[in-house]
């Protein structure tokens, strides 16, 4: 079997594109005084506000104690609040506070600018094709990994390209 060179290998390219986007986003958000972990949590809460801590840890693919410490820091800054889950008294649901809304808007604007710059040179049709193709690939991987039923169930997870939760919020 002919092995593709790393610069033409799908897995390497996807990994490198994601890494480079995170690095570019980190640079653009540095002045806001956030860590990558903090903006990652805030972004997910923007799309999934009210998610419980256990589900959030799964979505972020981090250990629950690690998330708990991160949420403690965000809560101390007044950016999030944890509320009791009415369906499970052991669980807490996580919400953004009004104090962080301006920061989240700034993060979303930076993300929109990064998407625009990242996709520069692609026509609108090419952008749509790229997003549709990545959505199919993501759905295939979710099914293969047994952690998703449809790609739609996992939209708006802050992958750096999505521009809103089914149009409900735009960056």
Protein backbone atom coordinates (compact mmCIF):
# COMPACT_ATOMS: atom_id res chain seq x y z
CA UNK A 1 0.00 0.00 0.00
CA UNK A 2 1.29 3.45 -0.92
CA UNK A 3 1.59 5.60 2.20
CA UNK A 4 0.82 9.30 1.65
CA UNK A 5 3.43 11.83 2.69
CA UNK A 6 2.58 13.62 5.96
CA UNK A 7 1.66 16.80 4.07
CA UNK A 8 -0.93 14.79 2.08
CA UNK A 9 -2.08 12.45 4.87
CA UNK A 10 -5.67 13.15 5.93
CA UNK A 11 -5.10 12.46 9.64
CA UNK A 12 -1.97 14.61 9.82
CA UNK A 13 -3.64 17.43 7.93
CA UNK A 14 -6.74 17.45 10.14
CA UNK A 15 -4.57 17.39 13.26
CA UNK A 16 -2.29 20.17 11.98
CA UNK A 17 -5.19 22.37 10.89
CA UNK A 18 -6.87 22.01 14.30
CA UNK A 19 -3.59 22.68 16.14
CA UNK A 20 -2.79 25.72 14.00
CA UNK A 21 -6.29 27.13 14.49
CA UNK A 22 -6.01 26.70 18.28
CA UNK A 23 -2.61 28.41 18.24
CA UNK A 24 -3.91 31.30 16.13
CA UNK A 25 -6.95 31.65 18.40
CA UNK A 26 -4.74 31.59 21.51
CA UNK A 27 -2.68 34.44 20.06
CA UNK A 28 -5.75 36.47 19.20
CA UNK A 29 -7.33 35.98 22.64
CA UNK A 30 -4.16 36.46 24.71
CA UNK A 31 -5.06 40.07 25.57
CA UNK A 32 -8.32 38.86 27.15
CA UNK A 33 -6.37 37.01 29.85
CA UNK A 34 -7.88 33.56 29.29
CA UNK A 35 -6.27 30.17 29.22
CA UNK A 36 -7.13 27.78 26.40
CA UNK A 37 -8.99 25.58 28.88
CA UNK A 38 -11.08 28.54 30.06
CA UNK A 39 -12.11 29.68 26.59
CA UNK A 40 -12.82 26.08 25.61
CA UNK A 41 -15.23 25.67 28.54
CA UNK A 42 -16.88 29.07 27.95
CA UNK A 43 -17.33 28.26 24.27
CA UNK A 44 -19.01 24.95 25.03
CA UNK A 45 -21.26 26.57 27.60
CA UNK A 46 -22.24 29.19 25.01
CA UNK A 47 -23.66 26.39 22.87
CA UNK A 48 -24.77 24.00 25.63
CA UNK A 49 -25.67 26.23 28.54
CA UNK A 50 -27.21 24.26 31.41
CA UNK A 51 -25.29 21.07 30.63
CA UNK A 52 -24.40 19.08 33.72
CA UNK A 53 -20.78 18.85 34.85
CA UNK A 54 -20.44 15.18 34.00
CA UNK A 55 -21.74 15.69 30.44
CA UNK A 56 -19.47 18.73 30.03
CA UNK A 57 -16.43 16.68 31.10
CA UNK A 58 -17.36 14.06 28.48
CA UNK A 59 -17.85 16.66 25.73
CA UNK A 60 -14.53 18.33 26.56
CA UNK A 61 -12.82 14.94 26.92
CA UNK A 62 -11.30 15.81 30.29
CA UNK A 63 -11.43 14.15 33.69
CA UNK A 64 -14.23 15.25 36.02
CA UNK A 65 -11.87 16.43 38.81
CA UNK A 66 -9.91 18.52 36.28
CA UNK A 67 -13.13 20.12 35.05
CA UNK A 68 -14.25 20.70 38.63
CA UNK A 69 -11.10 22.72 39.39
CA UNK A 70 -11.47 24.65 36.15
CA UNK A 71 -15.10 25.45 36.96
CA UNK A 72 -14.05 26.55 40.46
CA UNK A 73 -11.70 29.14 38.88
CA UNK A 74 -14.34 30.33 36.41
CA UNK A 75 -16.90 30.56 39.20
CA UNK A 76 -14.45 32.58 41.35
CA UNK A 77 -14.14 35.06 38.46
CA UNK A 78 -17.93 35.34 38.36
CA UNK A 79 -18.14 33.95 34.83
CA UNK A 80 -20.15 30.79 35.48
CA UNK A 81 -22.55 29.50 38.05
CA UNK A 82 -23.44 25.96 39.05
CA UNK A 83 -27.02 25.18 39.92
CA UNK A 84 -28.59 22.06 41.32
CA UNK A 85 -30.02 19.71 38.71
CA UNK A 86 -33.76 19.37 39.40
CA UNK A 87 -33.72 15.79 38.05
CA UNK A 88 -30.65 14.62 40.01
CA UNK A 89 -29.80 16.20 43.35
CA UNK A 90 -26.19 14.92 43.10
CA UNK A 91 -25.57 16.72 39.80
CA UNK A 92 -24.87 20.37 39.04
CA UNK A 93 -25.74 22.21 35.84
CA UNK A 94 -23.42 24.92 34.56
CA UNK A 95 -24.50 28.33 33.24
CA UNK A 96 -22.76 31.45 31.99
CA UNK A 97 -23.36 34.57 34.07
CA UNK A 98 -24.28 38.01 32.81
CA UNK A 99 -20.79 39.19 33.79
CA UNK A 100 -19.13 37.04 31.12
CA UNK A 101 -21.46 37.88 28.22
CA UNK A 102 -19.22 40.68 26.90
CA UNK A 103 -16.18 38.41 27.06
CA UNK A 104 -18.02 35.61 25.25
CA UNK A 105 -19.12 38.08 22.55
CA UNK A 106 -15.47 39.12 22.13
CA UNK A 107 -14.41 35.47 21.88
CA UNK A 108 -17.09 34.80 19.26
CA UNK A 109 -15.99 37.84 17.22
CA UNK A 110 -12.38 36.67 17.33
CA UNK A 111 -13.53 33.19 16.27
CA UNK A 112 -15.51 34.64 13.35
CA UNK A 113 -12.48 36.64 12.20
CA UNK A 114 -10.28 33.56 12.48
CA UNK A 115 -12.76 31.49 10.44
CA UNK A 116 -12.87 34.21 7.79
CA UNK A 117 -9.08 34.40 7.62
CA UNK A 118 -8.67 30.61 7.72
CA UNK A 119 -11.12 30.04 4.87
CA UNK A 120 -9.84 32.94 2.74
CA UNK A 121 -9.46 31.95 -0.88
CA UNK A 122 -12.33 29.45 -0.80
CA UNK A 123 -15.53 30.24 -2.62
CA UNK A 124 -18.84 30.01 -0.75
CA UNK A 125 -19.56 26.71 -2.55
CA UNK A 126 -16.16 25.34 -1.48
CA UNK A 127 -16.82 26.39 2.13
CA UNK A 128 -20.20 24.65 2.13
CA UNK A 129 -18.66 21.53 0.57
CA UNK A 130 -15.87 21.53 3.18
CA UNK A 131 -18.29 21.83 6.09
CA UNK A 132 -20.64 19.21 4.65
CA UNK A 133 -17.73 16.83 4.07
CA UNK A 134 -16.30 17.33 7.56
CA UNK A 135 -19.78 16.77 9.03
CA UNK A 136 -20.05 13.43 7.21
CA UNK A 137 -16.56 12.43 8.37
CA UNK A 138 -17.38 13.42 11.94
CA UNK A 139 -20.60 11.39 11.80
CA UNK A 140 -18.69 8.36 10.50
CA UNK A 141 -16.19 8.65 13.35
CA UNK A 142 -18.92 9.09 15.95
CA UNK A 143 -20.65 5.96 14.73
CA UNK A 144 -17.36 4.03 14.60
CA UNK A 145 -16.56 5.11 18.16
CA UNK A 146 -20.07 4.31 19.36
CA UNK A 147 -20.55 7.75 20.90
CA UNK A 148 -23.05 9.35 18.61
CA UNK A 149 -26.05 8.51 16.56
CA UNK A 150 -26.16 11.37 14.10
CA UNK A 151 -23.87 14.24 13.17
CA UNK A 152 -26.68 16.68 13.98
CA UNK A 153 -26.60 15.61 17.63
CA UNK A 154 -23.10 17.00 17.88
CA UNK A 155 -23.37 20.28 15.98
CA UNK A 156 -22.21 23.51 17.47
CA UNK A 157 -19.48 22.04 19.63
CA UNK A 158 -17.08 24.83 18.95
CA UNK A 159 -14.90 23.19 16.38
CA UNK A 160 -13.67 26.54 15.11
CA UNK A 161 -15.69 26.46 11.90
CA UNK A 162 -19.31 26.28 13.01
CA UNK A 163 -20.91 29.71 13.00
CA UNK A 164 -23.79 29.10 15.36
CA UNK A 165 -26.17 26.72 17.00
CA UNK A 166 -28.50 26.03 14.08
CA UNK A 167 -28.55 29.77 13.47
CA UNK A 168 -29.71 30.57 17.00
CA UNK A 169 -26.55 32.47 17.86
CA UNK A 170 -24.19 33.97 15.37
CA UNK A 171 -20.65 35.05 16.03
